[in-house]
Protein backbone atom coordinates (compact mmCIF):
# COMPACT_ATOMS: atom_id res chain seq x y z
CA GLU A 1 0.00 0.00 0.00
CA VAL A 2 2.80 2.43 0.89
CA VAL A 3 4.72 1.58 -2.27
CA ARG A 4 1.62 1.96 -4.44
CA ASN A 5 0.62 5.29 -2.93
CA LEU A 6 4.10 6.77 -3.17
CA ALA A 7 4.47 5.53 -6.76
CA LEU A 8 1.21 7.24 -7.69
CA ARG A 9 2.25 10.43 -5.95
CA GLU A 10 5.67 10.36 -7.63
CA ALA A 11 4.04 10.06 -11.06
CA ASP A 12 1.59 12.84 -10.25
CA LYS A 13 3.66 15.57 -8.63
CA GLY A 14 6.95 14.16 -7.47
CA LEU A 15 8.22 13.26 -4.03
CA SER A 16 10.13 15.14 -1.37
CA ALA A 17 13.54 13.83 -0.33
CA GLY A 18 12.02 12.12 2.71
CA GLU A 19 9.28 10.53 0.64
CA LYS A 20 11.83 9.30 -1.92
CA SER A 21 13.82 7.68 0.87
CA LEU A 22 10.69 6.03 2.30
CA PHE A 23 9.65 4.86 -1.18
CA THR A 24 13.06 3.31 -1.83
CA LYS A 25 13.11 1.51 1.51
CA ALA A 26 9.51 0.29 1.23
CA ARG A 27 10.05 -0.95 -2.32
CA SER A 28 13.20 -2.77 -1.22
CA VAL A 29 11.32 -4.53 1.59
CA LEU A 30 8.51 -5.46 -0.78
CA VAL A 31 10.94 -6.89 -3.35
CA SER A 32 12.71 -8.87 -0.65
CA GLU A 33 9.48 -10.34 0.71
CA LEU A 34 8.17 -11.15 -2.77
CA SER A 35 11.44 -12.81 -3.70
CA PHE A 36 11.35 -14.99 -0.59
CA ALA A 37 7.65 -15.85 -0.82
CA LEU A 38 7.74 -16.81 -4.50
CA GLU A 39 11.25 -18.29 -4.40
CA ILE A 40 12.43 -16.07 -7.25
CA SER A 41 15.47 -13.84 -7.63
CA GLU A 42 15.34 -10.28 -6.39
CA ASP A 43 15.79 -9.12 -9.99
CA ASP A 44 12.65 -11.02 -11.02
CA ALA A 45 10.79 -9.68 -8.00
CA THR A 46 11.89 -6.14 -8.87
CA ASP A 47 10.60 -6.61 -12.43
CA ARG A 48 7.24 -7.80 -11.11
CA VAL A 49 6.93 -4.85 -8.74
CA GLU A 50 7.85 -2.36 -11.47
CA LYS A 51 5.32 -3.88 -13.88
CA ALA A 52 2.61 -3.78 -11.22
CA LEU A 53 3.28 -0.09 -10.55
CA VAL A 54 2.83 0.96 -14.18
């Protein structure tokens, strides 16, 4: 939810430095959890997250 909302806000009007930092950390945690849960590489998990955010 945090990643989605910050991605939408970034596309709409940009993010502050603090929001960018939060977005990066939240996306990293999401990718890590997805990678573990689906037993896929972090690169594949990153691709899935990026595609879902488009």
